[in-house]
Amino acid sequence: MDTIISLSGKDFGICAIDTMAFKSFLITKTNINKFIEIGKNKFLAVSGYPGDVIQFTDFLQKTIQLYTLKTGLTLSTRSVANCIRKELSECLRKNPLNINLILIGFDKIYGSSLYFIDYLGSLQRMNFCVQGHSSLILSSFLDQYFRQKMNLQEAVQIIKKCSEILKKRYLIPQTRLLIRIVDEEGCRCLGLV
C-alpha cells in the first residue's frame, strides 16, 4: 500500500513518498522515512517488507561505498541502477526479496534520471513513476500533466495536486507525503505535503 510519486524534470528529480507503515489493514506508524541516500546526488525510494528493505539497502550502500573506496571513482546513476538490478536478479534465484525501488539521481554529464526497479530485477528508465495502489488513480493524471521541461515549482504543484487527489479518492487517507529532490546541489528534503 506504499505510495511513491516521482518525476524527472529538466535539471532535477523529485519524489514524494508516504510516511506510513502498514501491517495488513492496520497502520502501525506514521513517521517513517523511506528514502535511502546513496552518495551525494542519488537516493532510493523503497517499498516492500521492512526486513528486506533494511537488509538490501544496507547491503547496497556498503557495496557502492566499497567500490568508491577501491577505485576512487563515483558511480553514475545508470551504473548504480544496473548494480541494483544485478543484485536483485541474483537474489531472485537464491532468496527472493519483496522490495521495489525507485532510483533518482543527478549526474553532471547526463542530467537527472529516474529508474524503476522491481522485485524481479527488471529495470526501466522513466520520466515519471507512480508506485503502489495509488498508481491506479494517479497514472492518468500524471500522463496528462507531466511535461519534459518542467521546472521545480511546476513539479511541486503536480505533487501537491496528486496529494489532494489521494486524499479525495483513496481508501486509506495518506495525509503525509514526504518530498525529496535531487539536483546539481545534491539531495535535500522539501518537507511534508
N, C-alpha and C. Protein backbone atom coordinates (compact mmCIF):
# COMPACT_ATOMS: atom_id res chain seq x y z
N MET A 1 0.80 -1.19 0.00
CA MET A 1 0.00 0.00 0.00
C MET A 1 0.85 1.26 0.00
N ASP A 2 2.15 1.11 -0.11
CA ASP A 2 3.03 2.27 -0.16
C ASP A 2 2.73 3.10 -1.40
N THR A 3 2.86 4.39 -1.26
CA THR A 3 2.67 5.30 -2.38
C THR A 3 3.97 6.04 -2.64
N ILE A 4 4.46 5.94 -3.88
CA ILE A 4 5.64 6.68 -4.29
C ILE A 4 5.30 7.39 -5.60
N ILE A 5 5.49 8.71 -5.62
CA ILE A 5 5.26 9.52 -6.81
C ILE A 5 6.58 10.18 -7.14
N SER A 6 7.08 9.98 -8.35
CA SER A 6 8.38 10.57 -8.70
C SER A 6 8.35 11.12 -10.12
N LEU A 7 9.07 12.23 -10.30
CA LEU A 7 9.16 12.91 -11.58
C LEU A 7 10.60 13.26 -11.86
N SER A 8 10.97 13.25 -13.13
CA SER A 8 12.29 13.68 -13.54
C SER A 8 12.12 14.93 -14.39
N GLY A 9 12.64 16.06 -13.92
CA GLY A 9 12.50 17.32 -14.62
C GLY A 9 13.71 17.64 -15.47
N LYS A 10 13.80 18.90 -15.85
CA LYS A 10 14.87 19.35 -16.74
C LYS A 10 16.25 19.17 -16.09
N ASP A 11 16.40 19.63 -14.87
CA ASP A 11 17.68 19.53 -14.18
C ASP A 11 17.52 19.11 -12.73
N PHE A 12 16.49 18.33 -12.44
CA PHE A 12 16.22 17.87 -11.07
C PHE A 12 15.40 16.59 -11.13
N GLY A 13 15.36 15.89 -10.03
CA GLY A 13 14.47 14.76 -9.84
C GLY A 13 13.74 14.99 -8.54
N ILE A 14 12.46 14.67 -8.49
CA ILE A 14 11.66 14.90 -7.29
C ILE A 14 10.86 13.64 -6.99
N CYS A 15 10.70 13.36 -5.70
CA CYS A 15 9.98 12.17 -5.30
C CYS A 15 9.19 12.47 -4.03
N ALA A 16 7.97 11.95 -3.96
CA ALA A 16 7.14 12.06 -2.76
C ALA A 16 6.75 10.65 -2.35
N ILE A 17 6.86 10.37 -1.08
CA ILE A 17 6.55 9.03 -0.57
C ILE A 17 5.76 9.15 0.72
N ASP A 18 4.82 8.23 0.92
CA ASP A 18 4.04 8.29 2.15
C ASP A 18 4.92 7.87 3.33
N THR A 19 4.55 8.30 4.51
CA THR A 19 5.38 8.06 5.70
C THR A 19 4.73 7.04 6.63
N MET A 20 3.80 6.24 6.12
CA MET A 20 3.09 5.27 6.97
C MET A 20 3.64 3.86 6.78
N ALA A 21 3.56 3.10 7.86
CA ALA A 21 3.91 1.68 7.82
C ALA A 21 2.63 0.88 8.05
N PHE A 22 2.41 -0.10 7.18
CA PHE A 22 1.20 -0.91 7.25
C PHE A 22 1.55 -2.34 7.67
N LYS A 23 0.63 -2.97 8.36
CA LYS A 23 0.68 -4.41 8.57
C LYS A 23 -0.74 -4.89 8.35
N SER A 24 -0.95 -5.57 7.24
CA SER A 24 -2.27 -5.99 6.80
C SER A 24 -3.12 -4.74 6.58
N PHE A 25 -4.18 -4.56 7.33
CA PHE A 25 -5.02 -3.38 7.16
C PHE A 25 -4.83 -2.37 8.29
N LEU A 26 -3.80 -2.57 9.11
CA LEU A 26 -3.53 -1.67 10.22
C LEU A 26 -2.39 -0.71 9.88
N ILE A 27 -2.52 0.52 10.30
CA ILE A 27 -1.44 1.49 10.18
C ILE A 27 -0.67 1.42 11.50
N THR A 28 0.60 1.00 11.43
CA THR A 28 1.38 0.83 12.66
C THR A 28 2.21 2.05 13.01
N LYS A 29 2.68 2.80 12.01
CA LYS A 29 3.47 4.01 12.24
C LYS A 29 3.13 5.04 11.18
N THR A 30 3.31 6.30 11.53
CA THR A 30 3.00 7.35 10.55
C THR A 30 4.17 8.31 10.31
N ASN A 31 5.37 7.94 10.75
CA ASN A 31 6.50 8.87 10.60
C ASN A 31 7.77 8.19 10.10
N ILE A 32 7.63 7.29 9.14
CA ILE A 32 8.78 6.55 8.63
C ILE A 32 9.37 7.26 7.42
N ASN A 33 10.69 7.34 7.38
CA ASN A 33 11.40 7.88 6.23
C ASN A 33 11.81 6.71 5.34
N LYS A 34 11.26 6.62 4.14
CA LYS A 34 11.54 5.51 3.23
C LYS A 34 12.53 5.89 2.14
N PHE A 35 13.28 6.96 2.36
CA PHE A 35 14.32 7.38 1.43
C PHE A 35 15.67 6.89 1.94
N ILE A 36 16.48 6.37 1.03
CA ILE A 36 17.83 5.93 1.35
C ILE A 36 18.78 6.70 0.45
N GLU A 37 19.70 7.44 1.06
CA GLU A 37 20.64 8.23 0.28
C GLU A 37 21.82 7.35 -0.15
N ILE A 38 22.17 7.43 -1.43
CA ILE A 38 23.32 6.72 -1.97
C ILE A 38 24.22 7.75 -2.62
N GLY A 39 25.23 8.16 -1.94
CA GLY A 39 26.11 9.18 -2.49
C GLY A 39 25.51 10.56 -2.32
N LYS A 40 26.19 11.53 -2.93
CA LYS A 40 25.77 12.93 -2.78
C LYS A 40 24.57 13.27 -3.65
N ASN A 41 24.49 12.70 -4.86
CA ASN A 41 23.46 13.09 -5.81
C ASN A 41 22.53 11.96 -6.21
N LYS A 42 22.32 10.99 -5.33
CA LYS A 42 21.45 9.87 -5.65
C LYS A 42 20.70 9.43 -4.40
N PHE A 43 19.45 9.02 -4.58
CA PHE A 43 18.74 8.40 -3.47
C PHE A 43 17.74 7.39 -4.00
N LEU A 44 17.33 6.49 -3.10
CA LEU A 44 16.36 5.46 -3.40
C LEU A 44 15.07 5.75 -2.65
N ALA A 45 13.95 5.51 -3.28
CA ALA A 45 12.66 5.46 -2.61
C ALA A 45 12.26 3.99 -2.62
N VAL A 46 12.03 3.42 -1.45
CA VAL A 46 11.84 1.97 -1.35
C VAL A 46 10.48 1.62 -0.76
N SER A 47 9.98 0.47 -1.18
CA SER A 47 8.77 -0.09 -0.60
C SER A 47 8.92 -1.60 -0.58
N GLY A 48 8.25 -2.23 0.36
CA GLY A 48 8.31 -3.67 0.48
C GLY A 48 8.32 -4.08 1.94
N TYR A 49 8.67 -5.34 2.20
CA TYR A 49 8.74 -5.81 3.58
C TYR A 49 9.88 -5.09 4.30
N PRO A 50 9.63 -4.60 5.51
CA PRO A 50 10.65 -3.81 6.21
C PRO A 50 11.99 -4.53 6.40
N GLY A 51 11.97 -5.81 6.70
CA GLY A 51 13.22 -6.54 6.87
C GLY A 51 14.02 -6.63 5.60
N ASP A 52 13.34 -6.91 4.48
CA ASP A 52 14.01 -6.96 3.18
C ASP A 52 14.56 -5.60 2.79
N VAL A 53 13.78 -4.55 3.06
CA VAL A 53 14.19 -3.20 2.70
C VAL A 53 15.47 -2.82 3.45
N ILE A 54 15.49 -3.03 4.75
CA ILE A 54 16.65 -2.64 5.56
C ILE A 54 17.88 -3.45 5.17
N GLN A 55 17.72 -4.77 5.04
CA GLN A 55 18.85 -5.63 4.70
C GLN A 55 19.42 -5.28 3.32
N PHE A 56 18.56 -5.16 2.32
CA PHE A 56 19.04 -4.94 0.96
C PHE A 56 19.63 -3.55 0.78
N THR A 57 18.99 -2.52 1.32
CA THR A 57 19.51 -1.17 1.15
C THR A 57 20.83 -0.97 1.91
N ASP A 58 20.97 -1.60 3.07
CA ASP A 58 22.25 -1.57 3.79
C ASP A 58 23.35 -2.21 2.95
N PHE A 59 23.04 -3.37 2.37
CA PHE A 59 23.99 -4.06 1.52
C PHE A 59 24.39 -3.19 0.32
N LEU A 60 23.40 -2.54 -0.30
CA LEU A 60 23.68 -1.67 -1.46
C LEU A 60 24.58 -0.50 -1.08
N GLN A 61 24.26 0.16 0.01
CA GLN A 61 25.07 1.30 0.45
C GLN A 61 26.52 0.89 0.68
N LYS A 62 26.71 -0.23 1.36
CA LYS A 62 28.07 -0.68 1.66
C LYS A 62 28.80 -1.13 0.40
N THR A 63 28.12 -1.78 -0.53
CA THR A 63 28.74 -2.23 -1.77
C THR A 63 29.20 -1.05 -2.61
N ILE A 64 28.36 -0.05 -2.74
CA ILE A 64 28.71 1.14 -3.54
C ILE A 64 29.81 1.93 -2.86
N GLN A 65 29.75 2.01 -1.54
CA GLN A 65 30.81 2.71 -0.79
C GLN A 65 32.15 1.98 -0.94
N LEU A 66 32.13 0.65 -0.90
CA LEU A 66 33.35 -0.14 -1.07
C LEU A 66 33.94 0.07 -2.47
N TYR A 67 33.08 0.08 -3.48
CA TYR A 67 33.55 0.31 -4.85
C TYR A 67 34.22 1.68 -4.97
N THR A 68 33.60 2.68 -4.36
CA THR A 68 34.16 4.03 -4.41
C THR A 68 35.51 4.09 -3.71
N LEU A 69 35.64 3.42 -2.57
CA LEU A 69 36.91 3.41 -1.84
C LEU A 69 38.00 2.65 -2.61
N LYS A 70 37.62 1.56 -3.26
CA LYS A 70 38.59 0.75 -4.01
C LYS A 70 39.13 1.48 -5.23
N THR A 71 38.22 2.11 -5.98
CA THR A 71 38.62 2.68 -7.27
C THR A 71 38.83 4.19 -7.24
N GLY A 72 38.26 4.86 -6.27
CA GLY A 72 38.35 6.31 -6.22
C GLY A 72 37.39 7.00 -7.17
N LEU A 73 36.49 6.24 -7.79
CA LEU A 73 35.52 6.77 -8.74
C LEU A 73 34.12 6.72 -8.14
N THR A 74 33.29 7.66 -8.54
CA THR A 74 31.89 7.60 -8.13
C THR A 74 31.07 7.02 -9.28
N LEU A 75 30.09 6.21 -8.95
CA LEU A 75 29.25 5.59 -9.97
C LEU A 75 28.19 6.56 -10.46
N SER A 76 27.88 6.48 -11.74
CA SER A 76 26.78 7.27 -12.29
C SER A 76 25.46 6.64 -11.84
N THR A 77 24.38 7.37 -12.03
CA THR A 77 23.06 6.85 -11.65
C THR A 77 22.73 5.60 -12.44
N ARG A 78 23.09 5.59 -13.72
CA ARG A 78 22.82 4.41 -14.55
C ARG A 78 23.60 3.19 -14.05
N SER A 79 24.85 3.39 -13.64
CA SER A 79 25.66 2.30 -13.12
C SER A 79 25.09 1.75 -11.82
N VAL A 80 24.62 2.64 -10.95
CA VAL A 80 24.01 2.20 -9.69
C VAL A 80 22.74 1.41 -9.98
N ALA A 81 21.94 1.87 -10.94
CA ALA A 81 20.70 1.16 -11.30
C ALA A 81 21.00 -0.24 -11.81
N ASN A 82 22.03 -0.37 -12.65
CA ASN A 82 22.38 -1.69 -13.17
C ASN A 82 22.96 -2.59 -12.08
N CYS A 83 23.68 -2.02 -11.14
CA CYS A 83 24.19 -2.79 -9.99
C CYS A 83 23.02 -3.32 -9.16
N ILE A 84 22.03 -2.47 -8.90
CA ILE A 84 20.86 -2.89 -8.13
C ILE A 84 20.10 -3.99 -8.87
N ARG A 85 19.93 -3.82 -10.18
CA ARG A 85 19.23 -4.83 -10.97
C ARG A 85 19.93 -6.17 -10.91
N LYS A 86 21.26 -6.16 -11.01
CA LYS A 86 22.04 -7.39 -10.96
C LYS A 86 21.89 -8.08 -9.60
N GLU A 87 21.98 -7.31 -8.53
CA GLU A 87 21.86 -7.89 -7.19
C GLU A 87 20.46 -8.44 -6.94
N LEU A 88 19.44 -7.73 -7.39
CA LEU A 88 18.07 -8.23 -7.20
C LEU A 88 17.80 -9.48 -8.01
N SER A 89 18.31 -9.55 -9.24
CA SER A 89 18.09 -10.74 -10.05
C SER A 89 18.86 -11.94 -9.48
N GLU A 90 20.01 -11.71 -8.87
CA GLU A 90 20.73 -12.80 -8.20
C GLU A 90 19.97 -13.25 -6.95
N CYS A 91 19.41 -12.31 -6.21
CA CYS A 91 18.62 -12.67 -5.02
C CYS A 91 17.39 -13.46 -5.40
N LEU A 92 16.83 -13.18 -6.57
CA LEU A 92 15.62 -13.87 -7.03
C LEU A 92 15.87 -15.37 -7.14
N ARG A 93 17.08 -15.76 -7.50
CA ARG A 93 17.41 -17.17 -7.67
C ARG A 93 17.81 -17.85 -6.37
N LYS A 94 18.26 -17.08 -5.39
CA LYS A 94 18.70 -17.66 -4.12
C LYS A 94 17.66 -17.48 -3.01
N ASN A 95 17.38 -16.23 -2.71
CA ASN A 95 16.49 -15.89 -1.61
C ASN A 95 15.67 -14.67 -2.04
N PRO A 96 14.49 -14.88 -2.64
CA PRO A 96 13.72 -13.76 -3.18
C PRO A 96 13.38 -12.70 -2.13
N LEU A 97 13.48 -11.45 -2.53
CA LEU A 97 13.15 -10.32 -1.67
C LEU A 97 11.89 -9.65 -2.20
N ASN A 98 11.07 -9.16 -1.29
CA ASN A 98 9.90 -8.40 -1.69
C ASN A 98 10.22 -6.92 -1.51
N ILE A 99 10.79 -6.32 -2.55
CA ILE A 99 11.22 -4.93 -2.48
C ILE A 99 11.13 -4.31 -3.87
N ASN A 100 10.58 -3.11 -3.94
CA ASN A 100 10.53 -2.33 -5.17
C ASN A 100 11.24 -1.02 -4.92
N LEU A 101 12.01 -0.56 -5.89
CA LEU A 101 12.81 0.64 -5.69
C LEU A 101 12.63 1.62 -6.83
N ILE A 102 12.78 2.89 -6.49
CA ILE A 102 12.89 3.95 -7.48
C ILE A 102 14.18 4.68 -7.17
N LEU A 103 15.07 4.71 -8.15
CA LEU A 103 16.35 5.39 -8.00
C LEU A 103 16.28 6.71 -8.75
N ILE A 104 16.61 7.79 -8.05
CA ILE A 104 16.62 9.12 -8.65
C ILE A 104 18.01 9.70 -8.43
N GLY A 105 18.59 10.22 -9.50
CA GLY A 105 19.92 10.79 -9.36
C GLY A 105 20.17 11.91 -10.35
N PHE A 106 21.26 12.62 -10.11
CA PHE A 106 21.66 13.70 -10.99
C PHE A 106 23.14 13.55 -11.27
N ASP A 107 23.50 13.49 -12.55
CA ASP A 107 24.89 13.44 -12.99
C ASP A 107 25.17 14.67 -13.84
N LYS A 108 26.38 15.20 -13.73
CA LYS A 108 26.72 16.41 -14.48
C LYS A 108 26.66 16.17 -15.98
N ILE A 109 27.01 14.97 -16.42
CA ILE A 109 27.03 14.67 -17.85
C ILE A 109 25.62 14.37 -18.38
N TYR A 110 24.88 13.50 -17.68
CA TYR A 110 23.58 13.02 -18.18
C TYR A 110 22.40 13.82 -17.66
N GLY A 111 22.57 14.61 -16.63
CA GLY A 111 21.44 15.32 -16.04
C GLY A 111 20.68 14.43 -15.07
N SER A 112 19.41 14.73 -14.87
CA SER A 112 18.63 13.93 -13.91
C SER A 112 18.10 12.67 -14.59
N SER A 113 17.97 11.63 -13.80
CA SER A 113 17.41 10.38 -14.32
C SER A 113 16.65 9.66 -13.22
N LEU A 114 15.66 8.89 -13.65
CA LEU A 114 14.78 8.17 -12.74
C LEU A 114 14.66 6.73 -13.23
N TYR A 115 14.90 5.78 -12.36
CA TYR A 115 14.83 4.37 -12.72
C TYR A 115 13.89 3.64 -11.78
N PHE A 116 13.06 2.77 -12.36
CA PHE A 116 12.18 1.90 -11.58
C PHE A 116 12.76 0.49 -11.62
N ILE A 117 12.93 -0.12 -10.46
CA ILE A 117 13.47 -1.48 -10.36
C ILE A 117 12.51 -2.27 -9.48
N ASP A 118 11.95 -3.35 -10.01
CA ASP A 118 11.00 -4.12 -9.20
C ASP A 118 11.67 -5.34 -8.57
N TYR A 119 10.90 -6.11 -7.82
CA TYR A 119 11.44 -7.24 -7.07
C TYR A 119 11.96 -8.37 -7.96
N LEU A 120 11.59 -8.38 -9.23
CA LEU A 120 12.08 -9.39 -10.16
C LEU A 120 13.40 -8.98 -10.82
N GLY A 121 13.85 -7.77 -10.55
CA GLY A 121 15.10 -7.31 -11.12
C GLY A 121 14.94 -6.65 -12.48
N SER A 122 13.72 -6.30 -12.86
CA SER A 122 13.56 -5.60 -14.14
C SER A 122 13.80 -4.11 -13.91
N LEU A 123 14.46 -3.50 -14.87
CA LEU A 123 14.91 -2.12 -14.76
C LEU A 123 14.32 -1.31 -15.90
N GLN A 124 13.79 -0.12 -15.58
CA GLN A 124 13.20 0.73 -16.60
C GLN A 124 13.50 2.19 -16.29
N ARG A 125 14.06 2.90 -17.25
CA ARG A 125 14.23 4.34 -17.09
C ARG A 125 12.93 5.02 -17.47
N MET A 126 12.49 5.97 -16.65
CA MET A 126 11.19 6.60 -16.85
C MET A 126 11.29 8.10 -16.66
N ASN A 127 10.29 8.81 -17.14
CA ASN A 127 10.18 10.25 -16.90
C ASN A 127 9.39 10.53 -15.63
N PHE A 128 8.39 9.71 -15.37
CA PHE A 128 7.63 9.79 -14.12
C PHE A 128 7.20 8.39 -13.75
N CYS A 129 6.94 8.21 -12.47
CA CYS A 129 6.57 6.88 -12.00
C CYS A 129 5.68 7.01 -10.77
N VAL A 130 4.66 6.20 -10.70
CA VAL A 130 3.81 6.09 -9.52
C VAL A 130 3.80 4.63 -9.13
N GLN A 131 4.00 4.37 -7.85
CA GLN A 131 4.10 3.00 -7.38
C GLN A 131 3.10 2.78 -6.27
N GLY A 132 2.56 1.60 -6.19
CA GLY A 132 1.59 1.25 -5.17
C GLY A 132 0.18 1.26 -5.72
N HIS A 133 -0.79 1.06 -4.82
CA HIS A 133 -2.19 1.05 -5.23
C HIS A 133 -2.64 2.39 -5.79
N SER A 134 -2.00 3.46 -5.35
CA SER A 134 -2.38 4.79 -5.83
C SER A 134 -2.06 4.98 -7.31
N SER A 135 -1.25 4.11 -7.88
CA SER A 135 -0.93 4.23 -9.31
C SER A 135 -2.18 4.07 -10.17
N LEU A 136 -3.16 3.35 -9.67
CA LEU A 136 -4.42 3.19 -10.41
C LEU A 136 -5.15 4.52 -10.55
N ILE A 137 -4.96 5.40 -9.58
CA ILE A 137 -5.64 6.68 -9.58
C ILE A 137 -4.81 7.77 -10.25
N LEU A 138 -3.48 7.75 -10.00
CA LEU A 138 -2.64 8.88 -10.38
C LEU A 138 -1.95 8.76 -11.74
N SER A 139 -1.87 7.58 -12.30
CA SER A 139 -1.15 7.41 -13.57
C SER A 139 -1.74 8.26 -14.69
N SER A 140 -3.05 8.27 -14.80
CA SER A 140 -3.68 9.04 -15.88
C SER A 140 -3.51 10.54 -15.65
N PHE A 141 -3.54 10.96 -14.38
CA PHE A 141 -3.33 12.38 -14.07
C PHE A 141 -1.92 12.82 -14.48
N LEU A 142 -0.91 12.02 -14.13
CA LEU A 142 0.46 12.36 -14.49
C LEU A 142 0.68 12.27 -16.00
N ASP A 143 0.01 11.32 -16.64
CA ASP A 143 0.09 11.23 -18.10
C ASP A 143 -0.36 12.53 -18.76
N GLN A 144 -1.38 13.13 -18.19
CA GLN A 144 -1.94 14.35 -18.77
C GLN A 144 -1.11 15.58 -18.45
N TYR A 145 -0.56 15.69 -17.23
CA TYR A 145 0.06 16.95 -16.81
C TYR A 145 1.58 16.95 -16.80
N PHE A 146 2.22 15.82 -16.98
CA PHE A 146 3.68 15.80 -16.98
C PHE A 146 4.22 16.37 -18.29
N ARG A 147 5.27 17.22 -18.16
CA ARG A 147 5.97 17.76 -19.33
C ARG A 147 7.47 17.53 -19.14
N GLN A 148 8.19 17.32 -20.22
CA GLN A 148 9.62 17.03 -20.17
C GLN A 148 10.43 18.15 -19.52
N LYS A 149 10.17 19.39 -19.89
CA LYS A 149 11.00 20.53 -19.49
C LYS A 149 10.39 21.34 -18.35
N MET A 150 9.65 20.71 -17.46
CA MET A 150 9.03 21.46 -16.37
C MET A 150 10.07 21.89 -15.34
N ASN A 151 9.78 22.98 -14.64
CA ASN A 151 10.69 23.45 -13.60
C ASN A 151 10.26 22.89 -12.24
N LEU A 152 11.02 23.20 -11.21
CA LEU A 152 10.79 22.63 -9.89
C LEU A 152 9.45 23.05 -9.30
N GLN A 153 9.07 24.30 -9.47
CA GLN A 153 7.80 24.78 -8.91
C GLN A 153 6.61 24.06 -9.54
N GLU A 154 6.66 23.82 -10.84
CA GLU A 154 5.59 23.08 -11.51
C GLU A 154 5.52 21.65 -11.01
N ALA A 155 6.67 21.02 -10.79
CA ALA A 155 6.69 19.64 -10.30
C ALA A 155 6.12 19.56 -8.89
N VAL A 156 6.46 20.53 -8.04
CA VAL A 156 5.91 20.54 -6.67
C VAL A 156 4.40 20.73 -6.72
N GLN A 157 3.91 21.57 -7.61
CA GLN A 157 2.47 21.77 -7.74
C GLN A 157 1.77 20.49 -8.20
N ILE A 158 2.41 19.74 -9.10
CA ILE A 158 1.83 18.48 -9.56
C ILE A 158 1.76 17.48 -8.40
N ILE A 159 2.80 17.43 -7.58
CA ILE A 159 2.79 16.50 -6.45
C ILE A 159 1.75 16.92 -5.42
N LYS A 160 1.58 18.20 -5.20
CA LYS A 160 0.54 18.67 -4.28
C LYS A 160 -0.85 18.30 -4.80
N LYS A 161 -1.04 18.43 -6.11
CA LYS A 161 -2.33 18.06 -6.71
C LYS A 161 -2.55 16.55 -6.58
N CYS A 162 -1.49 15.75 -6.75
CA CYS A 162 -1.59 14.30 -6.55
C CYS A 162 -2.01 13.98 -5.13
N SER A 163 -1.44 14.70 -4.16
CA SER A 163 -1.78 14.51 -2.76
C SER A 163 -3.26 14.83 -2.51
N GLU A 164 -3.75 15.89 -3.13
CA GLU A 164 -5.17 16.24 -2.99
C GLU A 164 -6.07 15.16 -3.58
N ILE A 165 -5.66 14.62 -4.73
CA ILE A 165 -6.44 13.56 -5.37
C ILE A 165 -6.48 12.33 -4.48
N LEU A 166 -5.33 11.98 -3.88
CA LEU A 166 -5.28 10.82 -2.98
C LEU A 166 -6.17 11.03 -1.76
N LYS A 167 -6.15 12.22 -1.19
CA LYS A 167 -7.00 12.49 -0.02
C LYS A 167 -8.47 12.37 -0.37
N LYS A 168 -8.79 12.74 -1.59
CA LYS A 168 -10.19 12.74 -2.01
C LYS A 168 -10.68 11.35 -2.43
N ARG A 169 -9.83 10.57 -3.14
CA ARG A 169 -10.31 9.35 -3.79
C ARG A 169 -9.77 8.05 -3.23
N TYR A 170 -8.70 8.09 -2.45
CA TYR A 170 -8.06 6.86 -2.00
C TYR A 170 -8.71 6.36 -0.72
N LEU A 171 -8.79 5.06 -0.56
CA LEU A 171 -9.46 4.44 0.57
C LEU A 171 -8.81 4.78 1.91
N ILE A 172 -7.48 4.68 1.96
CA ILE A 172 -6.75 4.98 3.18
C ILE A 172 -6.24 6.41 3.07
N PRO A 173 -6.59 7.27 4.01
CA PRO A 173 -6.16 8.67 3.89
C PRO A 173 -4.66 8.83 4.11
N GLN A 174 -3.94 9.06 3.04
CA GLN A 174 -2.49 9.25 3.14
C GLN A 174 -2.23 10.75 3.20
N THR A 175 -2.27 11.26 4.40
CA THR A 175 -2.21 12.70 4.57
C THR A 175 -0.80 13.24 4.57
N ARG A 176 0.20 12.39 4.72
CA ARG A 176 1.57 12.87 4.82
C ARG A 176 2.43 12.27 3.73
N LEU A 177 2.82 13.09 2.77
CA LEU A 177 3.76 12.69 1.73
C LEU A 177 5.04 13.50 1.95
N LEU A 178 6.15 12.80 2.10
CA LEU A 178 7.44 13.45 2.28
C LEU A 178 8.07 13.69 0.91
N ILE A 179 8.48 14.93 0.63
CA ILE A 179 9.04 15.28 -0.67
C ILE A 179 10.54 15.45 -0.55
N ARG A 180 11.26 14.87 -1.52
CA ARG A 180 12.71 15.00 -1.56
C ARG A 180 13.11 15.28 -3.01
N ILE A 181 14.12 16.15 -3.19
CA ILE A 181 14.59 16.44 -4.55
C ILE A 181 16.10 16.21 -4.63
N VAL A 182 16.56 16.02 -5.86
CA VAL A 182 17.99 15.91 -6.13
C VAL A 182 18.27 16.77 -7.37
N ASP A 183 19.34 17.53 -7.29
CA ASP A 183 19.80 18.33 -8.42
C ASP A 183 21.31 18.47 -8.32
N GLU A 184 21.88 19.41 -9.03
CA GLU A 184 23.34 19.56 -9.03
C GLU A 184 23.89 19.94 -7.66
N GLU A 185 23.07 20.50 -6.79
CA GLU A 185 23.50 20.85 -5.44
C GLU A 185 23.48 19.67 -4.49
N GLY A 186 22.82 18.58 -4.84
CA GLY A 186 22.73 17.39 -4.00
C GLY A 186 21.29 17.08 -3.64
N CYS A 187 21.13 16.18 -2.68
CA CYS A 187 19.81 15.75 -2.21
C CYS A 187 19.37 16.65 -1.06
N ARG A 188 18.08 16.98 -1.06
CA ARG A 188 17.54 17.73 0.08
C ARG A 188 16.05 17.45 0.20
N CYS A 189 15.57 17.65 1.40
CA CYS A 189 14.18 17.39 1.73
C CYS A 189 13.39 18.70 1.64
N LEU A 190 12.21 18.64 1.03
CA LEU A 190 11.36 19.82 0.94
C LEU A 190 10.25 19.82 1.98
N GLY A 191 10.14 18.76 2.76
CA GLY A 191 9.14 18.70 3.81
C GLY A 191 7.95 17.85 3.44
N LEU A 192 6.90 17.97 4.23
CA LEU A 192 5.70 17.18 4.07
C LEU A 192 4.63 17.94 3.30
N VAL A 193 3.82 17.20 2.56
CA VAL A 193 2.67 17.78 1.86
C VAL A 193 1.43 17.25 2.52
